Each structure stands twice: as structure tokens, then as C-alpha cells.
PDB file of N, CA and C in Angstrom:
ATOM      1  N   MET A   1     122.523 148.453 -58.816  1.00  0.00           N
ATOM      2  CA  MET A   1     123.562 148.387 -57.814  1.00  0.00           C
ATOM      3  C   MET A   1     122.945 148.841 -56.504  1.00  0.00           C
ATOM      4  N   LYS A   2     123.090 148.017 -55.482  1.00  0.00           N
ATOM      5  CA  LYS A   2     122.457 148.421 -54.213  1.00  0.00           C
ATOM      6  C   LYS A   2     123.436 149.446 -53.502  1.00  0.00           C
ATOM      7  N   ILE A   3     122.822 150.462 -53.014  1.00  0.00           N
ATOM      8  CA  ILE A   3     123.472 151.623 -52.376  1.00  0.00           C
ATOM      9  C   ILE A   3     123.704 151.209 -50.881  1.00  0.00           C
ATOM     10  N   ASP A   4     124.972 151.207 -50.373  1.00  0.00           N
ATOM     11  CA  ASP A   4     125.216 150.880 -49.057  1.00  0.00           C
ATOM     12  C   ASP A   4     126.255 151.812 -48.546  1.00  0.00           C
ATOM     13  N   ARG A   5     126.842 151.686 -47.291  1.00  0.00           N
ATOM     14  CA  ARG A   5     127.797 152.560 -46.753  1.00  0.00           C
ATOM     15  C   ARG A   5     128.984 152.708 -47.553  1.00  0.00           C
ATOM     16  N   ASN A   6     129.356 151.499 -48.204  1.00  0.00           N
ATOM     17  CA  ASN A   6     130.607 151.564 -48.948  1.00  0.00           C
ATOM     18  C   ASN A   6     130.692 152.404 -50.319  1.00  0.00           C
ATOM     19  N   ASN A   7     129.540 152.389 -50.865  1.00  0.00           N
ATOM     20  CA  ASN A   7     129.454 153.086 -52.137  1.00  0.00           C
ATOM     21  C   ASN A   7     128.546 154.490 -52.138  1.00  0.00           C
ATOM     22  N   LEU A   8     128.006 154.864 -50.909  1.00  0.00           N
ATOM     23  CA  LEU A   8     127.120 155.937 -50.919  1.00  0.00           C
ATOM     24  C   LEU A   8     127.785 157.244 -51.463  1.00  0.00           C
ATOM     25  N   GLN A   9     129.029 157.419 -51.041  1.00  0.00           N
ATOM     26  CA  GLN A   9     129.691 158.682 -51.446  1.00  0.00           C
ATOM     27  C   GLN A   9     129.814 158.516 -52.984  1.00  0.00           C
ATOM     28  N   GLU A  10     130.291 157.639 -53.561  1.00  0.00           N
ATOM     29  CA  GLU A  10     130.454 157.448 -54.970  1.00  0.00           C
ATOM     30  C   GLU A  10     129.196 157.696 -55.635  1.00  0.00           C
ATOM     31  N   HIS A  11     128.030 156.993 -55.129  1.00  0.00           N
ATOM     32  CA  HIS A  11     126.721 157.177 -55.792  1.00  0.00           C
ATOM     33  C   HIS A  11     126.339 158.692 -55.703  1.00  0.00           C
ATOM     34  N   LEU A  12     126.566 159.355 -54.616  1.00  0.00           N
ATOM     35  CA  LEU A  12     126.109 160.754 -54.549  1.00  0.00           C
ATOM     36  C   LEU A  12     126.921 161.674 -55.498  1.00  0.00           C
ATOM     37  N   LEU A  13     128.179 161.289 -55.607  1.00  0.00           N
ATOM     38  CA  LEU A  13     128.905 162.116 -56.624  1.00  0.00           C
ATOM     39  C   LEU A  13     128.535 161.894 -58.056  1.00  0.00           C
ATOM     40  N   THR A  14     128.198 160.589 -58.359  1.00  0.00           N
ATOM     41  CA  THR A  14     127.682 160.174 -59.645  1.00  0.00           C
ATOM     42  C   THR A  14     126.275 161.010 -59.924  1.00  0.00           C
ATOM     43  N   HIS A  15     125.507 160.888 -59.058  1.00  0.00           N
ATOM     44  CA  HIS A  15     124.159 161.578 -59.234  1.00  0.00           C
ATOM     45  C   HIS A  15     124.280 163.085 -59.319  1.00  0.00           C
ATOM     46  N   GLN A  16     125.131 163.611 -58.482  1.00  0.00           N
ATOM     47  CA  GLN A  16     125.343 165.206 -58.545  1.00  0.00           C
ATOM     48  C   GLN A  16     125.830 165.490 -59.955  1.00  0.00           C
ATOM     49  N   LEU A  17     126.853 164.753 -60.467  1.00  0.00           N
ATOM     50  CA  LEU A  17     127.363 165.082 -61.761  1.00  0.00           C
ATOM     51  C   LEU A  17     126.280 164.879 -62.863  1.00  0.00           C
ATOM     52  N   SER A  18     125.564 163.878 -62.763  1.00  0.00           N
ATOM     53  CA  SER A  18     124.450 163.585 -63.735  1.00  0.00           C
ATOM     54  C   SER A  18     123.430 164.801 -63.831  1.00  0.00           C
ATOM     55  N   ILE A  19     123.283 165.534 -62.705  1.00  0.00           N
ATOM     56  CA  ILE A  19     122.384 166.673 -62.730  1.00  0.00           C
ATOM     57  C   ILE A  19     122.868 167.708 -63.701  1.00  0.00           C
ATOM     58  N   VAL A  20     124.166 167.826 -63.811  1.00  0.00           N
ATOM     59  CA  VAL A  20     124.812 168.742 -64.715  1.00  0.00           C
ATOM     60  C   VAL A  20     125.285 168.205 -66.077  1.00  0.00           C
ATOM     61  N   GLY A  21     124.816 167.007 -66.327  1.00  0.00           N
ATOM     62  CA  GLY A  21     125.138 166.355 -67.549  1.00  0.00           C
ATOM     63  C   GLY A  21     126.592 165.766 -67.690  1.00  0.00           C
ATOM     64  N   LYS A  22     127.185 165.516 -66.501  1.00  0.00           N
ATOM     65  CA  LYS A  22     128.552 164.966 -66.547  1.00  0.00           C
ATOM     66  C   LYS A  22     128.642 163.563 -65.906  1.00  0.00           C
ATOM     67  N   THR A  23     129.735 162.964 -66.107  1.00  0.00           N
ATOM     68  CA  THR A  23     129.955 161.644 -65.450  1.00  0.00           C
ATOM     69  C   THR A  23     131.305 161.664 -64.746  1.00  0.00           C
ATOM     70  N   ILE A  24     131.502 160.639 -63.937  1.00  0.00           N
ATOM     71  CA  ILE A  24     132.814 160.560 -63.380  1.00  0.00           C
ATOM     72  C   ILE A  24     133.973 160.365 -64.308  1.00  0.00           C
ATOM     73  N   GLU A  25     133.734 159.769 -65.374  1.00  0.00           N
ATOM     74  CA  GLU A  25     134.728 159.632 -66.404  1.00  0.00           C
ATOM     75  C   GLU A  25     134.992 160.990 -67.012  1.00  0.00           C
ATOM     76  N   ASP A  26     134.033 161.885 -67.206  1.00  0.00           N
ATOM     77  CA  ASP A  26     134.268 163.200 -67.613  1.00  0.00           C
ATOM     78  C   ASP A  26     135.161 163.980 -66.624  1.00  0.00           C
ATOM     79  N   ALA A  27     134.927 163.706 -65.331  1.00  0.00           N
ATOM     80  CA  ALA A  27     135.745 164.409 -64.292  1.00  0.00           C
ATOM     81  C   ALA A  27     137.213 163.850 -64.341  1.00  0.00           C
ATOM     82  N   LYS A  28     137.308 162.696 -64.635  1.00  0.00           N
ATOM     83  CA  LYS A  28     138.733 162.175 -64.685  1.00  0.00           C
ATOM     84  C   LYS A  28     139.551 162.673 -65.803  1.00  0.00           C
ATOM     85  N   LYS A  29     138.765 162.978 -66.902  1.00  0.00           N
ATOM     86  CA  LYS A  29     139.421 163.548 -68.015  1.00  0.00           C
ATOM     87  C   LYS A  29     139.721 165.069 -68.000  1.00  0.00           C
ATOM     88  N   GLN A  30     138.912 165.783 -67.162  1.00  0.00           N
ATOM     89  CA  GLN A  30     139.129 167.226 -66.948  1.00  0.00           C
ATOM     90  C   GLN A  30     139.740 167.552 -65.716  1.00  0.00           C
ATOM     91  N   LYS A  31     141.042 167.936 -65.735  1.00  0.00           N
ATOM     92  CA  LYS A  31     141.801 168.183 -64.618  1.00  0.00           C
ATOM     93  C   LYS A  31     141.243 169.171 -63.510  1.00  0.00           C
ATOM     94  N   ASP A  32     140.675 170.133 -63.984  1.00  0.00           N
ATOM     95  CA  ASP A  32     140.101 171.233 -63.018  1.00  0.00           C
ATOM     96  C   ASP A  32     138.528 171.277 -63.095  1.00  0.00           C
ATOM     97  N   TRP A  33     138.018 170.132 -63.289  1.00  0.00           N
ATOM     98  CA  TRP A  33     136.441 170.066 -63.227  1.00  0.00           C
ATOM     99  C   TRP A  33     135.848 170.698 -62.028  1.00  0.00           C
ATOM    100  N   PHE A  34     136.492 170.582 -60.951  1.00  0.00           N
ATOM    101  CA  PHE A  34     135.815 171.103 -59.704  1.00  0.00           C
ATOM    102  C   PHE A  34     135.710 172.626 -59.797  1.00  0.00           C
ATOM    103  N   GLN A  35     136.627 173.215 -60.501  1.00  0.00           N
ATOM    104  CA  GLN A  35     136.666 174.646 -60.564  1.00  0.00           C
ATOM    105  C   GLN A  35     135.647 175.203 -61.597  1.00  0.00           C
ATOM    106  N   LYS A  36     135.489 174.359 -62.640  1.00  0.00           N
ATOM    107  CA  LYS A  36     134.659 174.798 -63.837  1.00  0.00           C
ATOM    108  C   LYS A  36     133.234 174.469 -63.808  1.00  0.00           C
ATOM    109  N   TRP A  37     132.869 173.288 -63.201  1.00  0.00           N
ATOM    110  CA  TRP A  37     131.463 172.853 -63.259  1.00  0.00           C
ATOM    111  C   TRP A  37     130.762 173.463 -62.025  1.00  0.00           C
ATOM    112  N   THR A  38     129.581 173.942 -62.301  1.00  0.00           N
ATOM    113  CA  THR A  38     128.791 174.590 -61.241  1.00  0.00           C
ATOM    114  C   THR A  38     127.377 174.181 -61.341  1.00  0.00           C
ATOM    115  N   PHE A  39     126.715 174.297 -60.155  1.00  0.00           N
ATOM    116  CA  PHE A  39     125.243 174.011 -60.078  1.00  0.00           C
ATOM    117  C   PHE A  39     124.552 175.510 -60.126  1.00  0.00           C
ATOM    118  N   THR A  40     123.298 175.405 -60.419  1.00  0.00           N
ATOM    119  CA  THR A  40     122.322 176.468 -60.284  1.00  0.00           C
ATOM    120  C   THR A  40     121.805 176.176 -58.812  1.00  0.00           C
ATOM    121  N   GLU A  41     121.254 177.213 -58.200  1.00  0.00           N
ATOM    122  CA  GLU A  41     120.585 177.050 -56.903  1.00  0.00           C
ATOM    123  C   GLU A  41     119.623 175.841 -56.907  1.00  0.00           C
ATOM    124  N   GLU A  42     118.781 175.895 -57.988  1.00  0.00           N
ATOM    125  CA  GLU A  42     117.687 174.965 -58.204  1.00  0.00           C
ATOM    126  C   GLU A  42     118.170 173.545 -58.302  1.00  0.00           C
ATOM    127  N   GLN A  43     119.389 173.376 -58.993  1.00  0.00           N
ATOM    128  CA  GLN A  43     119.970 172.111 -59.180  1.00  0.00           C
ATOM    129  C   GLN A  43     120.589 171.555 -57.841  1.00  0.00           C
ATOM    130  N   HIS A  44     121.121 172.542 -57.084  1.00  0.00           N
ATOM    131  CA  HIS A  44     121.615 172.129 -55.790  1.00  0.00           C
ATOM    132  C   HIS A  44     120.579 171.729 -54.840  1.00  0.00           C
ATOM    133  N   ASN A  45     119.394 172.431 -54.772  1.00  0.00           N
ATOM    134  CA  ASN A  45     118.291 172.016 -54.015  1.00  0.00           C
ATOM    135  C   ASN A  45     117.635 170.660 -54.459  1.00  0.00           C
ATOM    136  N   GLN A  46     117.759 170.389 -55.670  1.00  0.00           N
ATOM    137  CA  GLN A  46     117.198 169.103 -56.272  1.00  0.00           C
ATOM    138  C   GLN A  46     118.125 167.994 -55.681  1.00  0.00           C
ATOM    139  N   PHE A  47     119.513 168.265 -55.810  1.00  0.00           N
ATOM    140  CA  PHE A  47     120.443 167.230 -55.310  1.00  0.00           C
ATOM    141  C   PHE A  47     120.239 166.997 -53.835  1.00  0.00           C
ATOM    142  N   LYS A  48     120.073 168.196 -53.072  1.00  0.00           N
ATOM    143  CA  LYS A  48     119.949 167.962 -51.676  1.00  0.00           C
ATOM    144  C   LYS A  48     118.617 167.283 -51.247  1.00  0.00           C
ATOM    145  N   ASP A  49     117.498 167.463 -51.949  1.00  0.00           N
ATOM    146  CA  ASP A  49     116.357 166.720 -51.658  1.00  0.00           C
ATOM    147  C   ASP A  49     116.453 165.379 -52.074  1.00  0.00           C
ATOM    148  N   TYR A  50     117.321 164.979 -52.961  1.00  0.00           N
ATOM    149  CA  TYR A  50     117.563 163.615 -53.271  1.00  0.00           C
ATOM    150  C   TYR A  50     118.505 162.877 -52.257  1.00  0.00           C
ATOM    151  N   ALA A  51     119.570 163.689 -51.832  1.00  0.00           N
ATOM    152  CA  ALA A  51     120.533 163.063 -51.066  1.00  0.00           C
ATOM    153  C   ALA A  51     120.276 162.841 -49.614  1.00  0.00           C
ATOM    154  N   ILE A  52     119.644 163.742 -49.016  1.00  0.00           N
ATOM    155  CA  ILE A  52     119.357 163.691 -47.562  1.00  0.00           C
ATOM    156  C   ILE A  52     118.444 162.473 -47.130  1.00  0.00           C
ATOM    157  N   PRO A  53     117.352 162.161 -47.783  1.00  0.00           N
ATOM    158  CA  PRO A  53     116.533 160.989 -47.556  1.00  0.00           C
ATOM    159  C   PRO A  53     117.347 159.684 -47.795  1.00  0.00           C
ATOM    160  N   LEU A  54     118.222 159.737 -48.892  1.00  0.00           N
ATOM    161  CA  LEU A  54     119.107 158.614 -49.157  1.00  0.00           C
ATOM    162  C   LEU A  54     119.959 158.272 -48.112  1.00  0.00           C
ATOM    163  N   ILE A  55     120.745 159.358 -47.727  1.00  0.00           N
ATOM    164  CA  ILE A  55     121.698 159.160 -46.565  1.00  0.00           C
ATOM    165  C   ILE A  55     121.011 158.636 -45.355  1.00  0.00           C
ATOM    166  N   GLN A  56     119.819 159.218 -45.028  1.00  0.00           N
ATOM    167  CA  GLN A  56     119.121 158.801 -43.798  1.00  0.00           C
ATOM    168  C   GLN A  56     118.715 157.213 -43.916  1.00  0.00           C
ATOM    169  N   LYS A  57     118.340 156.931 -45.081  1.00  0.00           N
ATOM    170  CA  LYS A  57     117.933 155.506 -45.188  1.00  0.00           C
ATOM    171  C   LYS A  57     119.127 154.564 -45.242  1.00  0.00           C
ATOM    172  N   THR A  58     120.223 155.039 -45.816  1.00  0.00           N
ATOM    173  CA  THR A  58     121.403 154.134 -46.008  1.00  0.00           C
ATOM    174  C   THR A  58     122.130 154.037 -44.671  1.00  0.00           C
ATOM    175  N   LEU A  59     122.280 155.132 -44.013  1.00  0.00           N
ATOM    176  CA  LEU A  59     123.122 155.189 -42.667  1.00  0.00           C
ATOM    177  C   LEU A  59     122.060 154.820 -41.608  1.00  0.00           C
ATOM    178  N   LYS A  60     120.833 154.643 -41.801  1.00  0.00           N
ATOM    179  CA  LYS A  60     119.961 154.444 -40.711  1.00  0.00           C
ATOM    180  C   LYS A  60     120.154 155.339 -39.608  1.00  0.00           C
ATOM    181  N   CYS A  61     119.915 156.622 -39.896  1.00  0.00           N
ATOM    182  CA  CYS A  61     120.144 157.691 -38.981  1.00  0.00           C
ATOM    183  C   CYS A  61     119.083 158.788 -38.909  1.00  0.00           C
ATOM    184  N   SER A  62     119.210 159.702 -38.114  1.00  0.00           N
ATOM    185  CA  SER A  62     118.145 160.624 -37.954  1.00  0.00           C
ATOM    186  C   SER A  62     118.131 161.650 -39.086  1.00  0.00           C
ATOM    187  N   LYS A  63     117.183 162.484 -39.322  1.00  0.00           N
ATOM    188  CA  LYS A  63     117.172 163.435 -40.398  1.00  0.00           C
ATOM    189  C   LYS A  63     118.305 164.508 -40.086  1.00  0.00           C
ATOM    190  N   SER A  64     118.419 164.984 -38.943  1.00  0.00           N
ATOM    191  CA  SER A  64     119.436 165.871 -38.501  1.00  0.00           C
ATOM    192  C   SER A  64     120.818 165.456 -38.669  1.00  0.00           C
ATOM    193  N   HIS A  65     121.010 164.094 -38.504  1.00  0.00           N
ATOM    194  CA  HIS A  65     122.443 163.554 -38.742  1.00  0.00           C
ATOM    195  C   HIS A  65     122.639 163.449 -40.307  1.00  0.00           C
ATOM    196  N   ALA A  66     121.511 163.104 -41.112  1.00  0.00           N
ATOM    197  CA  ALA A  66     121.673 162.956 -42.541  1.00  0.00           C
ATOM    198  C   ALA A  66     121.925 164.377 -43.066  1.00  0.00           C
ATOM    199  N   ILE A  67     121.318 165.435 -42.525  1.00  0.00           N
ATOM    200  CA  ILE A  67     121.670 166.758 -43.016  1.00  0.00           C
ATOM    201  C   ILE A  67     123.096 167.143 -42.674  1.00  0.00           C
ATOM    202  N   LYS A  68     123.679 166.869 -41.594  1.00  0.00           N
ATOM    203  CA  LYS A  68     124.978 167.117 -41.288  1.00  0.00           C
ATOM    204  C   LYS A  68     125.981 166.356 -42.178  1.00  0.00           C
ATOM    205  N   SER A  69     125.573 164.997 -42.438  1.00  0.00           N
ATOM    206  CA  SER A  69     126.367 164.281 -43.394  1.00  0.00           C
ATOM    207  C   SER A  69     126.379 164.813 -44.743  1.00  0.00           C
ATOM    208  N   PHE A  70     125.179 165.264 -45.150  1.00  0.00           N
ATOM    209  CA  PHE A  70     125.163 165.900 -46.469  1.00  0.00           C
ATOM    210  C   PHE A  70     126.007 167.156 -46.552  1.00  0.00           C
ATOM    211  N   GLN A  71     125.930 167.972 -45.549  1.00  0.00           N
ATOM    212  CA  GLN A  71     126.655 169.186 -45.391  1.00  0.00           C
ATOM    213  C   GLN A  71     128.218 168.916 -45.614  1.00  0.00           C
ATOM    214  N   TRP A  72     128.745 167.887 -44.949  1.00  0.00           N
ATOM    215  CA  TRP A  72     130.107 167.490 -45.023  1.00  0.00           C
ATOM    216  C   TRP A  72     130.467 166.914 -46.428  1.00  0.00           C
ATOM    217  N   PHE A  73     129.524 166.212 -46.962  1.00  0.00           N
ATOM    218  CA  PHE A  73     129.735 165.746 -48.468  1.00  0.00           C
ATOM    219  C   PHE A  73     129.752 166.932 -49.413  1.00  0.00           C
ATOM    220  N   ASP A  74     128.790 167.818 -49.152  1.00  0.00           N
ATOM    221  CA  ASP A  74     128.728 169.082 -49.983  1.00  0.00           C
ATOM    222  C   ASP A  74     129.846 169.928 -49.899  1.00  0.00           C
ATOM    223  N   LEU A  75     130.398 170.025 -48.716  1.00  0.00           N
ATOM    224  CA  LEU A  75     131.665 170.835 -48.515  1.00  0.00           C
ATOM    225  C   LEU A  75     132.926 170.272 -49.115  1.00  0.00           C
ATOM    226  N   GLY A  76     133.111 168.869 -49.092  1.00  0.00           N
ATOM    227  CA  GLY A  76     134.140 168.223 -49.763  1.00  0.00           C
ATOM    228  C   GLY A  76     134.002 167.998 -51.173  1.00  0.00           C
ATOM    229  N   PHE A  77     132.854 167.667 -51.588  1.00  0.00           N
ATOM    230  CA  PHE A  77     132.705 167.126 -52.970  1.00  0.00           C
ATOM    231  C   PHE A  77     131.620 167.805 -53.801  1.00  0.00           C
ATOM    232  N   GLY A  78     130.851 168.670 -53.185  1.00  0.00           N
ATOM    233  CA  GLY A  78     129.801 169.465 -53.857  1.00  0.00           C
ATOM    234  C   GLY A  78     130.241 170.324 -54.802  1.00  0.00           C
ATOM    235  N   LEU A  79     129.565 170.435 -55.885  1.00  0.00           N
ATOM    236  CA  LEU A  79     129.756 171.422 -57.047  1.00  0.00           C
ATOM    237  C   LEU A  79     129.451 172.866 -56.333  1.00  0.00           C
ATOM    238  N   ARG A  80     130.211 173.826 -56.812  1.00  0.00           N
ATOM    239  CA  ARG A  80     130.067 175.240 -56.360  1.00  0.00           C
ATOM    240  C   ARG A  80     128.682 175.734 -57.018  1.00  0.00           C
ATOM    241  N   LEU A  81     128.064 176.722 -56.389  1.00  0.00           N
ATOM    242  CA  LEU A  81     126.988 177.290 -56.900  1.00  0.00           C
ATOM    243  C   LEU A  81     127.388 178.401 -57.883  1.00  0.00           C
ATOM    244  N   ASN A  82     126.577 178.456 -58.912  1.00  0.00           N
ATOM    245  CA  ASN A  82     126.949 179.484 -60.050  1.00  0.00           C
ATOM    246  C   ASN A  82     126.462 180.855 -59.403  1.00  0.00           C
ATOM    247  N   HIS A  83     127.456 181.598 -59.162  1.00  0.00           N
ATOM    248  CA  HIS A  83     127.209 182.946 -58.469  1.00  0.00           C
ATOM    249  C   HIS A  83     126.466 183.897 -59.417  1.00  0.00           C
ATOM    250  N   GLU A  84     126.666 183.887 -60.694  1.00  0.00           N
ATOM    251  CA  GLU A  84     125.982 184.613 -61.592  1.00  0.00           C
ATOM    252  C   GLU A  84     124.453 184.310 -61.517  1.00  0.00           C
ATOM    253  N   ASP A  85     124.140 183.089 -61.394  1.00  0.00           N
ATOM    254  CA  ASP A  85     122.758 182.606 -61.338  1.00  0.00           C
ATOM    255  C   ASP A  85     122.081 183.207 -59.984  1.00  0.00           C
ATOM    256  N   ILE A  86     122.837 183.112 -58.966  1.00  0.00           N
ATOM    257  CA  ILE A  86     122.371 183.642 -57.620  1.00  0.00           C
ATOM    258  C   ILE A  86     122.133 185.162 -57.664  1.00  0.00           C
ATOM    259  N   GLN A  87     123.103 185.868 -58.300  1.00  0.00           N
ATOM    260  CA  GLN A  87     122.893 187.330 -58.334  1.00  0.00           C
ATOM    261  C   GLN A  87     121.705 187.651 -59.222  1.00  0.00           C
ATOM    262  N   ASN A  88     121.460 186.888 -60.211  1.00  0.00           N
ATOM    263  CA  ASN A  88     120.246 187.202 -61.044  1.00  0.00           C
ATOM    264  C   ASN A  88     118.967 186.973 -60.442  1.00  0.00           C
ATOM    265  N   HIS A  89     118.923 186.213 -59.289  1.00  0.00           N
ATOM    266  CA  HIS A  89     117.763 185.979 -58.582  1.00  0.00           C
ATOM    267  C   HIS A  89     117.569 186.759 -57.311  1.00  0.00           C
ATOM    268  N   GLN A  90     118.457 187.586 -56.951  1.00  0.00           N
ATOM    269  CA  GLN A  90     118.358 188.521 -55.882  1.00  0.00           C
ATOM    270  C   GLN A  90     117.310 189.405 -55.953  1.00  0.00           C
ATOM    271  N   PRO A  91     116.404 189.654 -54.967  1.00  0.00           N
ATOM    272  CA  PRO A  91     115.330 190.607 -55.026  1.00  0.00           C
ATOM    273  C   PRO A  91     115.821 192.061 -55.337  1.00  0.00           C
ATOM    274  N   SER A  92     115.155 192.678 -56.031  1.00  0.00           N
ATOM    275  CA  SER A  92     115.441 194.218 -56.308  1.00  0.00           C
ATOM    276  C   SER A  92     115.146 195.015 -55.118  1.00  0.00           C
ATOM    277  N   GLU A  93     115.921 196.011 -54.874  1.00  0.00           N
ATOM    278  CA  GLU A  93     115.550 197.002 -53.842  1.00  0.00           C
ATOM    279  C   GLU A  93     114.770 198.139 -54.310  1.00  0.00           C
TER     280      GLU A  93
END
């Protein structure tokens, strides 16, 4: 399937879910999937590294515009970061 402006958002959501081993069909079956499924920081960075160049290429925009578009997508549809994982990676004092 060719990725274009019309299906970019769905593609990003599908890719994001695949990183955590889920599908859109799984999300449709689980009412509160957005609250339960989380990313590790590493998974989020992996998704971001994939999404920004794709957004830039698909929308034919600058990198800074692609980053802003990614941030809006992430705010609206991005999986939450697993806070336990973040706390475990904090530097010790």
C-alpha cells in the first residue's frame, strides 16, 4: 500500500501498535487500549525515528514541520510512555 496524505495517520498508528505487538483490530476489541498499552522510551524513540522521515517525505515538508506534525500525532494518538521503565533508567544520585 502506497503511503500518502490520506492514509499516513492510519499507517503511523498501525506501525506504532506493531512495535508493541498489537494491531488496530486488537485496539477495536479492547475498549481502554489507550490507557493500558504503553511504550518503553526505547520503543518510542524507535517509532519517532521511523515516523519523522516518513512524515517529511509524505507531506513534502521541512524536518522541523515533520517534527511538529509528529508531536501532534503523538499527543493525539501516541501510546503513553511506561513510567516504571523511565524511573528504572533515571541516573542515581
